[in-house]
């Protein structure tokens, strides 16, 4: 797993593209209970975001500030990222991806 409880992380991949680039706090491993579950994904974290995130379950959409996020879709933000030669531009590029960058450039 890349993340650990207490980490700040960037969502780098998501079913709901609007979540990409959001900064979240990793709380704990998700208990896989409740309305928002990700049964098929290993290593799922409970995360919290200052802005509501979007989840889709069946044909319903949920907007909440806390919920599950697979470890594989998160990039932790730690001092070691900068120590490994990743600058702010590369971290932003990883967080936004080409979809978000093109959308931002169009504005």
PDB file of N, CA and C in Angstrom:
ATOM      1  N   UNK A   1       0.831  -1.182   0.000  1.00  0.00           N
ATOM      2  CA  UNK A   1       0.000   0.000   0.000  1.00  0.00           C
ATOM      3  C   UNK A   1       0.876   1.246   0.000  1.00  0.00           C
ATOM      4  N   UNK A   2       0.395   2.255  -0.695  1.00  0.00           N
ATOM      5  CA  UNK A   2       1.149   3.499  -0.779  1.00  0.00           C
ATOM      6  C   UNK A   2       0.824   4.457   0.354  1.00  0.00           C
ATOM      7  N   UNK A   3      -0.431   4.462   0.802  1.00  0.00           N
ATOM      8  CA  UNK A   3      -0.866   5.410   1.829  1.00  0.00           C
ATOM      9  C   UNK A   3      -0.853   4.784   3.211  1.00  0.00           C
ATOM     10  N   UNK A   4      -0.944   5.655   4.209  1.00  0.00           N
ATOM     11  CA  UNK A   4      -1.078   5.207   5.595  1.00  0.00           C
ATOM     12  C   UNK A   4      -1.966   6.221   6.312  1.00  0.00           C
ATOM     13  N   UNK A   5      -2.592   5.814   7.421  1.00  0.00           N
ATOM     14  CA  UNK A   5      -3.455   6.748   8.151  1.00  0.00           C
ATOM     15  C   UNK A   5      -2.710   8.033   8.511  1.00  0.00           C
ATOM     16  N   UNK A   6      -3.396   9.151   8.327  1.00  0.00           N
ATOM     17  CA  UNK A   6      -2.811  10.454   8.620  1.00  0.00           C
ATOM     18  C   UNK A   6      -2.205  11.142   7.411  1.00  0.00           C
ATOM     19  N   UNK A   7      -1.964  10.401   6.325  1.00  0.00           N
ATOM     20  CA  UNK A   7      -1.396  10.997   5.113  1.00  0.00           C
ATOM     21  C   UNK A   7      -2.382  11.954   4.461  1.00  0.00           C
ATOM     22  N   UNK A   8      -1.838  12.968   3.798  1.00  0.00           N
ATOM     23  CA  UNK A   8      -2.584  13.718   2.806  1.00  0.00           C
ATOM     24  C   UNK A   8      -2.275  13.051   1.485  1.00  0.00           C
ATOM     25  N   UNK A   9      -3.261  12.980   0.598  1.00  0.00           N
ATOM     26  CA  UNK A   9      -3.062  12.330  -0.687  1.00  0.00           C
ATOM     27  C   UNK A   9      -3.854  13.063  -1.767  1.00  0.00           C
ATOM     28  N   UNK A  10      -3.411  12.900  -2.992  1.00  0.00           N
ATOM     29  CA  UNK A  10      -4.106  13.430  -4.161  1.00  0.00           C
ATOM     30  C   UNK A  10      -4.815  12.262  -4.836  1.00  0.00           C
ATOM     31  N   UNK A  11      -6.065  12.464  -5.221  1.00  0.00           N
ATOM     32  CA  UNK A  11      -6.780  11.446  -5.992  1.00  0.00           C
ATOM     33  C   UNK A  11      -6.267  11.529  -7.424  1.00  0.00           C
ATOM     34  N   UNK A  12      -5.631  10.457  -7.902  1.00  0.00           N
ATOM     35  CA  UNK A  12      -5.026  10.461  -9.232  1.00  0.00           C
ATOM     36  C   UNK A  12      -5.828   9.667 -10.258  1.00  0.00           C
ATOM     37  N   UNK A  13      -6.830   8.915  -9.804  1.00  0.00           N
ATOM     38  CA  UNK A  13      -7.694   8.158 -10.703  1.00  0.00           C
ATOM     39  C   UNK A  13      -9.022   7.968  -9.993  1.00  0.00           C
ATOM     40  N   UNK A  14     -10.122   8.022 -10.737  1.00  0.00           N
ATOM     41  CA  UNK A  14     -11.437   7.870 -10.119  1.00  0.00           C
ATOM     42  C   UNK A  14     -12.484   7.600 -11.184  1.00  0.00           C
ATOM     43  N   UNK A  15     -13.516   6.854 -10.828  1.00  0.00           N
ATOM     44  CA  UNK A  15     -14.651   6.627 -11.722  1.00  0.00           C
ATOM     45  C   UNK A  15     -15.323   7.962 -12.035  1.00  0.00           C
ATOM     46  N   UNK A  16     -15.531   8.785 -11.012  1.00  0.00           N
ATOM     47  CA  UNK A  16     -16.086  10.128 -11.194  1.00  0.00           C
ATOM     48  C   UNK A  16     -14.931  11.093 -11.388  1.00  0.00           C
ATOM     49  N   UNK A  17     -14.726  11.526 -12.614  1.00  0.00           N
ATOM     50  CA  UNK A  17     -13.563  12.327 -12.992  1.00  0.00           C
ATOM     51  C   UNK A  17     -13.444  13.632 -12.190  1.00  0.00           C
ATOM     52  N   UNK A  18     -14.557  14.139 -11.664  1.00  0.00           N
ATOM     53  CA  UNK A  18     -14.495  15.384 -10.892  1.00  0.00           C
ATOM     54  C   UNK A  18     -13.713  15.217  -9.597  1.00  0.00           C
ATOM     55  N   UNK A  19     -13.512  13.990  -9.144  1.00  0.00           N
ATOM     56  CA  UNK A  19     -12.746  13.748  -7.917  1.00  0.00           C
ATOM     57  C   UNK A  19     -11.240  13.836  -8.149  1.00  0.00           C
ATOM     58  N   UNK A  20     -10.801  13.691  -9.385  1.00  0.00           N
ATOM     59  CA  UNK A  20      -9.367  13.691  -9.683  1.00  0.00           C
ATOM     60  C   UNK A  20      -8.763  15.060  -9.356  1.00  0.00           C
ATOM     61  N   UNK A  21      -7.645  15.016  -8.643  1.00  0.00           N
ATOM     62  CA  UNK A  21      -6.944  16.236  -8.251  1.00  0.00           C
ATOM     63  C   UNK A  21      -7.328  16.735  -6.874  1.00  0.00           C
ATOM     64  N   UNK A  22      -8.354  16.149  -6.269  1.00  0.00           N
ATOM     65  CA  UNK A  22      -8.773  16.567  -4.932  1.00  0.00           C
ATOM     66  C   UNK A  22      -7.768  16.066  -3.896  1.00  0.00           C
ATOM     67  N   UNK A  23      -7.539  16.884  -2.898  1.00  0.00           N
ATOM     68  CA  UNK A  23      -6.658  16.534  -1.788  1.00  0.00           C
ATOM     69  C   UNK A  23      -7.525  15.938  -0.682  1.00  0.00           C
ATOM     70  N   UNK A  24      -7.132  14.777  -0.194  1.00  0.00           N
ATOM     71  CA  UNK A  24      -7.879  14.096   0.864  1.00  0.00           C
ATOM     72  C   UNK A  24      -6.947  13.752   2.017  1.00  0.00           C
ATOM     73  N   UNK A  25      -7.551  13.551   3.180  1.00  0.00           N
ATOM     74  CA  UNK A  25      -6.808  13.038   4.329  1.00  0.00           C
ATOM     75  C   UNK A  25      -7.192  11.579   4.494  1.00  0.00           C
ATOM     76  N   UNK A  26      -6.188  10.711   4.598  1.00  0.00           N
ATOM     77  CA  UNK A  26      -6.406   9.281   4.789  1.00  0.00           C
ATOM     78  C   UNK A  26      -6.683   9.057   6.274  1.00  0.00           C
ATOM     79  N   UNK A  27      -7.873   8.506   6.577  1.00  0.00           N
ATOM     80  CA  UNK A  27      -8.288   8.337   7.966  1.00  0.00           C
ATOM     81  C   UNK A  27      -7.901   6.953   8.489  1.00  0.00           C
ATOM     82  N   UNK A  28      -8.401   5.902   7.831  1.00  0.00           N
ATOM     83  CA  UNK A  28      -8.179   4.521   8.270  1.00  0.00           C
ATOM     84  C   UNK A  28      -8.607   3.584   7.150  1.00  0.00           C
ATOM     85  N   UNK A  29      -8.312   2.306   7.312  1.00  0.00           N
ATOM     86  CA  UNK A  29      -8.826   1.340   6.352  1.00  0.00           C
ATOM     87  C   UNK A  29     -10.348   1.362   6.410  1.00  0.00           C
ATOM     88  N   UNK A  30     -10.983   1.304   5.248  1.00  0.00           N
ATOM     89  CA  UNK A  30     -12.450   1.339   5.179  1.00  0.00           C
ATOM     90  C   UNK A  30     -13.013   0.013   5.677  1.00  0.00           C
ATOM     91  N   UNK A  31     -14.092   0.087   6.453  1.00  0.00           N
ATOM     92  CA  UNK A  31     -14.680  -1.124   7.034  1.00  0.00           C
ATOM     93  C   UNK A  31     -15.602  -1.873   6.060  1.00  0.00           C
ATOM     94  N   UNK A  32     -15.765  -1.331   4.855  1.00  0.00           N
ATOM     95  CA  UNK A  32     -16.597  -1.946   3.808  1.00  0.00           C
ATOM     96  C   UNK A  32     -18.046  -2.116   4.233  1.00  0.00           C
ATOM     97  N   UNK A  33     -18.511  -1.224   5.091  1.00  0.00           N
ATOM     98  CA  UNK A  33     -19.904  -1.220   5.526  1.00  0.00           C
ATOM     99  C   UNK A  33     -20.548   0.076   5.059  1.00  0.00           C
ATOM    100  N   UNK A  34     -21.873   0.077   4.976  1.00  0.00           N
ATOM    101  CA  UNK A  34     -22.598   1.288   4.625  1.00  0.00           C
ATOM    102  C   UNK A  34     -22.968   1.343   3.156  1.00  0.00           C
ATOM    103  N   UNK A  35     -23.504   2.471   2.768  1.00  0.00           N
ATOM    104  CA  UNK A  35     -23.982   2.681   1.401  1.00  0.00           C
ATOM    105  C   UNK A  35     -22.843   2.665   0.389  1.00  0.00           C
ATOM    106  N   UNK A  36     -21.729   3.276   0.754  1.00  0.00           N
ATOM    107  CA  UNK A  36     -20.584   3.386  -0.154  1.00  0.00           C
ATOM    108  C   UNK A  36     -19.589   2.271   0.148  1.00  0.00           C
ATOM    109  N   UNK A  37     -19.580   1.258  -0.678  1.00  0.00           N
ATOM    110  CA  UNK A  37     -18.630   0.164  -0.506  1.00  0.00           C
ATOM    111  C   UNK A  37     -17.921  -0.102  -1.818  1.00  0.00           C
ATOM    112  N   UNK A  38     -16.749  -0.660  -1.741  1.00  0.00           N
ATOM    113  CA  UNK A  38     -15.969  -1.017  -2.923  1.00  0.00           C
ATOM    114  C   UNK A  38     -15.496  -2.447  -2.746  1.00  0.00           C
ATOM    115  N   UNK A  39     -16.428  -3.375  -2.884  1.00  0.00           N
ATOM    116  CA  UNK A  39     -16.163  -4.786  -2.615  1.00  0.00           C
ATOM    117  C   UNK A  39     -15.073  -5.366  -3.515  1.00  0.00           C
ATOM    118  N   UNK A  40     -14.984  -4.923  -4.755  1.00  0.00           N
ATOM    119  CA  UNK A  40     -14.019  -5.494  -5.688  1.00  0.00           C
ATOM    120  C   UNK A  40     -12.614  -4.947  -5.575  1.00  0.00           C
ATOM    121  N   UNK A  41     -12.430  -3.896  -4.798  1.00  0.00           N
ATOM    122  CA  UNK A  41     -11.115  -3.256  -4.700  1.00  0.00           C
ATOM    123  C   UNK A  41     -10.405  -3.670  -3.419  1.00  0.00           C
ATOM    124  N   UNK A  42      -9.167  -4.156  -3.540  1.00  0.00           N
ATOM    125  CA  UNK A  42      -8.388  -4.431  -2.331  1.00  0.00           C
ATOM    126  C   UNK A  42      -7.845  -3.109  -1.773  1.00  0.00           C
ATOM    127  N   UNK A  43      -7.522  -3.099  -0.507  1.00  0.00           N
ATOM    128  CA  UNK A  43      -6.871  -1.946   0.120  1.00  0.00           C
ATOM    129  C   UNK A  43      -7.638  -0.645  -0.122  1.00  0.00           C
ATOM    130  N   UNK A  44      -8.769  -0.516   0.522  1.00  0.00           N
ATOM    131  CA  UNK A  44      -9.614   0.671   0.402  1.00  0.00           C
ATOM    132  C   UNK A  44      -9.530   1.485   1.687  1.00  0.00           C
ATOM    133  N   UNK A  45      -9.281   2.775   1.548  1.00  0.00           N
ATOM    134  CA  UNK A  45      -9.165   3.693   2.673  1.00  0.00           C
ATOM    135  C   UNK A  45     -10.434   4.499   2.865  1.00  0.00           C
ATOM    136  N   UNK A  46     -10.706   4.900   4.094  1.00  0.00           N
ATOM    137  CA  UNK A  46     -11.690   5.921   4.384  1.00  0.00           C
ATOM    138  C   UNK A  46     -10.934   7.237   4.294  1.00  0.00           C
ATOM    139  N   UNK A  47     -11.421   8.142   3.446  1.00  0.00           N
ATOM    140  CA  UNK A  47     -10.758   9.435   3.259  1.00  0.00           C
ATOM    141  C   UNK A  47     -11.748  10.558   3.558  1.00  0.00           C
ATOM    142  N   UNK A  48     -11.198  11.722   3.876  1.00  0.00           N
ATOM    143  CA  UNK A  48     -12.005  12.915   4.125  1.00  0.00           C
ATOM    144  C   UNK A  48     -11.463  14.045   3.259  1.00  0.00           C
ATOM    145  N   UNK A  49     -12.383  14.824   2.672  1.00  0.00           N
ATOM    146  CA  UNK A  49     -12.006  15.943   1.812  1.00  0.00           C
ATOM    147  C   UNK A  49     -12.743  17.200   2.279  1.00  0.00           C
ATOM    148  N   UNK A  50     -12.141  18.351   2.123  1.00  0.00           N
ATOM    149  CA  UNK A  50     -12.775  19.607   2.511  1.00  0.00           C
ATOM    150  C   UNK A  50     -13.991  19.910   1.631  1.00  0.00           C
ATOM    151  N   UNK A  51     -13.939  19.477   0.355  1.00  0.00           N
ATOM    152  CA  UNK A  51     -15.068  19.651  -0.559  1.00  0.00           C
ATOM    153  C   UNK A  51     -15.745  18.298  -0.752  1.00  0.00           C
ATOM    154  N   UNK A  52     -17.054  18.286  -1.027  1.00  0.00           N
ATOM    155  CA  UNK A  52     -17.723  17.002  -1.262  1.00  0.00           C
ATOM    156  C   UNK A  52     -17.137  16.277  -2.475  1.00  0.00           C
ATOM    157  N   UNK A  53     -16.951  14.976  -2.329  1.00  0.00           N
ATOM    158  CA  UNK A  53     -16.538  14.101  -3.417  1.00  0.00           C
ATOM    159  C   UNK A  53     -17.786  13.408  -3.953  1.00  0.00           C
ATOM    160  N   UNK A  54     -17.680  12.814  -5.136  1.00  0.00           N
ATOM    161  CA  UNK A  54     -18.817  12.144  -5.762  1.00  0.00           C
ATOM    162  C   UNK A  54     -18.555  10.660  -5.875  1.00  0.00           C
ATOM    163  N   UNK A  55     -19.532   9.853  -5.444  1.00  0.00           N
ATOM    164  CA  UNK A  55     -19.498   8.399  -5.621  1.00  0.00           C
ATOM    165  C   UNK A  55     -20.750   7.998  -6.376  1.00  0.00           C
ATOM    166  N   UNK A  56     -20.649   6.982  -7.216  1.00  0.00           N
ATOM    167  CA  UNK A  56     -21.793   6.444  -7.935  1.00  0.00           C
ATOM    168  C   UNK A  56     -21.966   4.991  -7.525  1.00  0.00           C
ATOM    169  N   UNK A  57     -23.175   4.658  -7.070  1.00  0.00           N
ATOM    170  CA  UNK A  57     -23.516   3.286  -6.701  1.00  0.00           C
ATOM    171  C   UNK A  57     -24.781   2.947  -7.479  1.00  0.00           C
ATOM    172  N   UNK A  58     -24.645   2.040  -8.461  1.00  0.00           N
ATOM    173  CA  UNK A  58     -25.780   1.739  -9.333  1.00  0.00           C
ATOM    174  C   UNK A  58     -26.147   2.987 -10.115  1.00  0.00           C
ATOM    175  N   UNK A  59     -27.398   3.404 -10.006  1.00  0.00           N
ATOM    176  CA  UNK A  59     -27.833   4.612 -10.706  1.00  0.00           C
ATOM    177  C   UNK A  59     -27.949   5.819  -9.779  1.00  0.00           C
ATOM    178  N   UNK A  60     -27.442   5.689  -8.561  1.00  0.00           N
ATOM    179  CA  UNK A  60     -27.494   6.784  -7.595  1.00  0.00           C
ATOM    180  C   UNK A  60     -26.129   7.451  -7.446  1.00  0.00           C
ATOM    181  N   UNK A  61     -26.161   8.761  -7.274  1.00  0.00           N
ATOM    182  CA  UNK A  61     -24.952   9.545  -7.019  1.00  0.00           C
ATOM    183  C   UNK A  61     -24.994  10.074  -5.603  1.00  0.00           C
ATOM    184  N   UNK A  62     -23.839  10.025  -4.956  1.00  0.00           N
ATOM    185  CA  UNK A  62     -23.716  10.522  -3.590  1.00  0.00           C
ATOM    186  C   UNK A  62     -22.633  11.579  -3.553  1.00  0.00           C
ATOM    187  N   UNK A  63     -22.884  12.672  -2.833  1.00  0.00           N
ATOM    188  CA  UNK A  63     -21.878  13.723  -2.626  1.00  0.00           C
ATOM    189  C   UNK A  63     -21.652  13.819  -1.129  1.00  0.00           C
ATOM    190  N   UNK A  64     -20.454  13.452  -0.719  1.00  0.00           N
ATOM    191  CA  UNK A  64     -20.093  13.455   0.703  1.00  0.00           C
ATOM    192  C   UNK A  64     -18.652  13.900   0.858  1.00  0.00           C
ATOM    193  N   UNK A  65     -18.338  14.333   2.054  1.00  0.00           N
ATOM    194  CA  UNK A  65     -16.964  14.745   2.342  1.00  0.00           C
ATOM    195  C   UNK A  65     -16.099  13.579   2.802  1.00  0.00           C
ATOM    196  N   UNK A  66     -16.716  12.469   3.196  1.00  0.00           N
ATOM    197  CA  UNK A  66     -15.962  11.291   3.634  1.00  0.00           C
ATOM    198  C   UNK A  66     -16.510  10.056   2.947  1.00  0.00           C
ATOM    199  N   UNK A  67     -15.594   9.148   2.609  1.00  0.00           N
ATOM    200  CA  UNK A  67     -16.001   7.899   1.985  1.00  0.00           C
ATOM    201  C   UNK A  67     -14.798   7.076   1.569  1.00  0.00           C
ATOM    202  N   UNK A  68     -15.038   5.965   0.862  1.00  0.00           N
ATOM    203  CA  UNK A  68     -13.956   5.059   0.491  1.00  0.00           C
ATOM    204  C   UNK A  68     -13.181   5.507  -0.745  1.00  0.00           C
ATOM    205  N   UNK A  69     -11.900   5.162  -0.754  1.00  0.00           N
ATOM    206  CA  UNK A  69     -11.039   5.403  -1.918  1.00  0.00           C
ATOM    207  C   UNK A  69      -9.984   4.307  -1.970  1.00  0.00           C
ATOM    208  N   UNK A  70      -9.867   3.614  -3.114  1.00  0.00           N
ATOM    209  CA  UNK A  70      -8.835   2.579  -3.235  1.00  0.00           C
ATOM    210  C   UNK A  70      -7.431   3.177  -3.150  1.00  0.00           C
ATOM    211  N   UNK A  71      -6.550   2.465  -2.484  1.00  0.00           N
ATOM    212  CA  UNK A  71      -5.160   2.899  -2.349  1.00  0.00           C
ATOM    213  C   UNK A  71      -4.525   3.167  -3.717  1.00  0.00           C
ATOM    214  N   UNK A  72      -4.859   2.345  -4.701  1.00  0.00           N
ATOM    215  CA  UNK A  72      -4.270   2.482  -6.041  1.00  0.00           C
ATOM    216  C   UNK A  72      -4.662   3.790  -6.719  1.00  0.00           C
ATOM    217  N   UNK A  73      -5.720   4.447  -6.249  1.00  0.00           N
ATOM    218  CA  UNK A  73      -6.183   5.692  -6.859  1.00  0.00           C
ATOM    219  C   UNK A  73      -5.692   6.924  -6.102  1.00  0.00           C
ATOM    220  N   UNK A  74      -4.829   6.707  -5.120  1.00  0.00           N
ATOM    221  CA  UNK A  74      -4.317   7.806  -4.310  1.00  0.00           C
ATOM    222  C   UNK A  74      -2.799   7.923  -4.440  1.00  0.00           C
ATOM    223  N   UNK A  75      -2.311   9.148  -4.449  1.00  0.00           N
ATOM    224  CA  UNK A  75      -0.873   9.419  -4.428  1.00  0.00           C
ATOM    225  C   UNK A  75      -0.579  10.185  -3.151  1.00  0.00           C
ATOM    226  N   UNK A  76       0.108   9.559  -2.178  1.00  0.00           N
ATOM    227  CA  UNK A  76       0.380  10.290  -0.937  1.00  0.00           C
ATOM    228  C   UNK A  76       1.241  11.515  -1.186  1.00  0.00           C
ATOM    229  N   UNK A  77       1.015  12.536  -0.376  1.00  0.00           N
ATOM    230  CA  UNK A  77       1.810  13.767  -0.436  1.00  0.00           C
ATOM    231  C   UNK A  77       2.696  13.759   0.794  1.00  0.00           C
ATOM    232  N   UNK A  78       3.964  13.524   0.559  1.00  0.00           N
ATOM    233  CA  UNK A  78       4.938  13.486   1.662  1.00  0.00           C
ATOM    234  C   UNK A  78       6.198  14.196   1.206  1.00  0.00           C
ATOM    235  N   UNK A  79       7.029  14.521   2.145  1.00  0.00           N
ATOM    236  CA  UNK A  79       8.304  15.150   1.823  1.00  0.00           C
ATOM    237  C   UNK A  79       9.166  14.278   0.937  1.00  0.00           C
ATOM    238  N   UNK A  80       9.001  12.945   1.028  1.00  0.00           N
ATOM    239  CA  UNK A  80       9.837  12.060   0.228  1.00  0.00           C
ATOM    240  C   UNK A  80       9.545  12.181  -1.260  1.00  0.00           C
ATOM    241  N   UNK A  81       8.352  12.658  -1.658  1.00  0.00           N
ATOM    242  CA  UNK A  81       8.066  12.854  -3.082  1.00  0.00           C
ATOM    243  C   UNK A  81       9.008  13.904  -3.650  1.00  0.00           C
ATOM    244  N   UNK A  82       9.237  14.981  -2.892  1.00  0.00           N
ATOM    245  CA  UNK A  82      10.162  16.013  -3.338  1.00  0.00           C
ATOM    246  C   UNK A  82      11.598  15.528  -3.231  1.00  0.00           C
ATOM    247  N   UNK A  83      11.893  14.710  -2.210  1.00  0.00           N
ATOM    248  CA  UNK A  83      13.229  14.161  -2.063  1.00  0.00           C
ATOM    249  C   UNK A  83      13.570  13.221  -3.209  1.00  0.00           C
ATOM    250  N   UNK A  84      12.569  12.597  -3.821  1.00  0.00           N
ATOM    251  CA  UNK A  84      12.803  11.679  -4.935  1.00  0.00           C
ATOM    252  C   UNK A  84      12.857  12.401  -6.276  1.00  0.00           C
ATOM    253  N   UNK A  85      12.936  13.732  -6.245  1.00  0.00           N
ATOM    254  CA  UNK A  85      13.102  14.493  -7.470  1.00  0.00           C
ATOM    255  C   UNK A  85      11.796  14.872  -8.148  1.00  0.00           C
ATOM    256  N   UNK A  86      10.651  14.654  -7.514  1.00  0.00           N
ATOM    257  CA  UNK A  86       9.396  15.063  -8.104  1.00  0.00           C
ATOM    258  C   UNK A  86       9.125  16.503  -7.710  1.00  0.00           C
ATOM    259  N   UNK A  87       9.086  17.377  -8.696  1.00  0.00           N
ATOM    260  CA  UNK A  87       8.801  18.770  -8.424  1.00  0.00           C
ATOM    261  C   UNK A  87       7.311  19.029  -8.385  1.00  0.00           C
ATOM    262  N   UNK A  88       6.939  20.244  -8.057  1.00  0.00           N
ATOM    263  CA  UNK A  88       5.527  20.620  -7.953  1.00  0.00           C
ATOM    264  C   UNK A  88       4.799  20.401  -9.272  1.00  0.00           C
ATOM    265  N   UNK A  89       5.458  20.691 -10.405  1.00  0.00           N
ATOM    266  CA  UNK A  89       4.817  20.526 -11.716  1.00  0.00           C
ATOM    267  C   UNK A  89       4.474  19.064 -11.980  1.00  0.00           C
ATOM    268  N   UNK A  90       5.401  18.148 -11.670  1.00  0.00           N
ATOM    269  CA  UNK A  90       5.140  16.729 -11.899  1.00  0.00           C
ATOM    270  C   UNK A  90       4.059  16.204 -10.957  1.00  0.00           C
ATOM    271  N   UNK A  91       4.061  16.650  -9.695  1.00  0.00           N
ATOM    272  CA  UNK A  91       3.013  16.235  -8.767  1.00  0.00           C
ATOM    273  C   UNK A  91       1.652  16.711  -9.260  1.00  0.00           C
ATOM    274  N   UNK A  92       1.585  17.955  -9.756  1.00  0.00           N
ATOM    275  CA  UNK A  92       0.334  18.480 -10.293  1.00  0.00           C
ATOM    276  C   UNK A  92      -0.086  17.697 -11.519  1.00  0.00           C
ATOM    277  N   UNK A  93       0.871  17.365 -12.383  1.00  0.00           N
ATOM    278  CA  UNK A  93       0.570  16.586 -13.576  1.00  0.00           C
ATOM    279  C   UNK A  93       0.006  15.226 -13.221  1.00  0.00           C
ATOM    280  N   UNK A  94       0.586  14.563 -12.231  1.00  0.00           N
ATOM    281  CA  UNK A  94       0.080  13.260 -11.794  1.00  0.00           C
ATOM    282  C   UNK A  94      -1.321  13.385 -11.214  1.00  0.00           C
ATOM    283  N   UNK A  95      -1.562  14.475 -10.496  1.00  0.00           N
ATOM    284  CA  UNK A  95      -2.849  14.658  -9.832  1.00  0.00           C
ATOM    285  C   UNK A  95      -3.952  14.991 -10.821  1.00  0.00           C
ATOM    286  N   UNK A  96      -3.646  15.758 -11.847  1.00  0.00           N
ATOM    287  CA  UNK A  96      -4.700  16.223 -12.739  1.00  0.00           C
ATOM    288  C   UNK A  96      -4.860  15.336 -13.964  1.00  0.00           C
ATOM    289  N   UNK A  97      -3.777  14.771 -14.459  1.00  0.00           N
ATOM    290  CA  UNK A  97      -3.867  13.945 -15.649  1.00  0.00           C
ATOM    291  C   UNK A  97      -4.225  14.782 -16.861  1.00  0.00           C
ATOM    292  N   UNK A  98      -4.161  14.203 -18.053  1.00  0.00           N
ATOM    293  CA  UNK A  98      -4.414  14.974 -19.275  1.00  0.00           C
ATOM    294  C   UNK A  98      -5.842  15.484 -19.367  1.00  0.00           C
ATOM    295  N   UNK A  99      -6.825  14.755 -18.835  1.00  0.00           N
ATOM    296  CA  UNK A  99      -8.221  15.164 -18.903  1.00  0.00           C
ATOM    297  C   UNK A  99      -8.431  16.481 -18.182  1.00  0.00           C
ATOM    298  N   UNK A 100      -7.964  16.576 -16.947  1.00  0.00           N
ATOM    299  CA  UNK A 100      -8.146  17.769 -16.147  1.00  0.00           C
ATOM    300  C   UNK A 100      -7.312  18.935 -16.691  1.00  0.00           C
ATOM    301  N   UNK A 101      -6.086  18.673 -17.170  1.00  0.00           N
ATOM    302  CA  UNK A 101      -5.243  19.736 -17.703  1.00  0.00           C
ATOM    303  C   UNK A 101      -5.903  20.362 -18.918  1.00  0.00           C
ATOM    304  N   UNK A 102      -6.449  19.547 -19.830  1.00  0.00           N
ATOM    305  CA  UNK A 102      -7.092  20.063 -21.036  1.00  0.00           C
ATOM    306  C   UNK A 102      -8.323  20.887 -20.663  1.00  0.00           C
ATOM    307  N   UNK A 103      -9.064  20.419 -19.674  1.00  0.00           N
ATOM    308  CA  UNK A 103     -10.249  21.144 -19.220  1.00  0.00           C
ATOM    309  C   UNK A 103      -9.847  22.494 -18.625  1.00  0.00           C
ATOM    310  N   UNK A 104      -8.787  22.514 -17.831  1.00  0.00           N
ATOM    311  CA  UNK A 104      -8.327  23.751 -17.202  1.00  0.00           C
ATOM    312  C   UNK A 104      -7.798  24.737 -18.244  1.00  0.00           C
ATOM    313  N   UNK A 105      -7.110  24.231 -19.266  1.00  0.00           N
ATOM    314  CA  UNK A 105      -6.570  25.092 -20.309  1.00  0.00           C
ATOM    315  C   UNK A 105      -7.660  25.712 -21.159  1.00  0.00           C
ATOM    316  N   UNK A 106      -8.799  25.021 -21.270  1.00  0.00           N
ATOM    317  CA  UNK A 106      -9.907  25.512 -22.076  1.00  0.00           C
ATOM    318  C   UNK A 106     -10.627  26.676 -21.397  1.00  0.00           C
ATOM    319  N   UNK A 107     -10.457  26.826 -20.089  1.00  0.00           N
ATOM    320  CA  UNK A 107     -11.167  27.901 -19.357  1.00  0.00           C
ATOM    321  C   UNK A 107     -10.532  29.237 -19.574  1.00  0.00           C
TER     322      UNK A 107
END
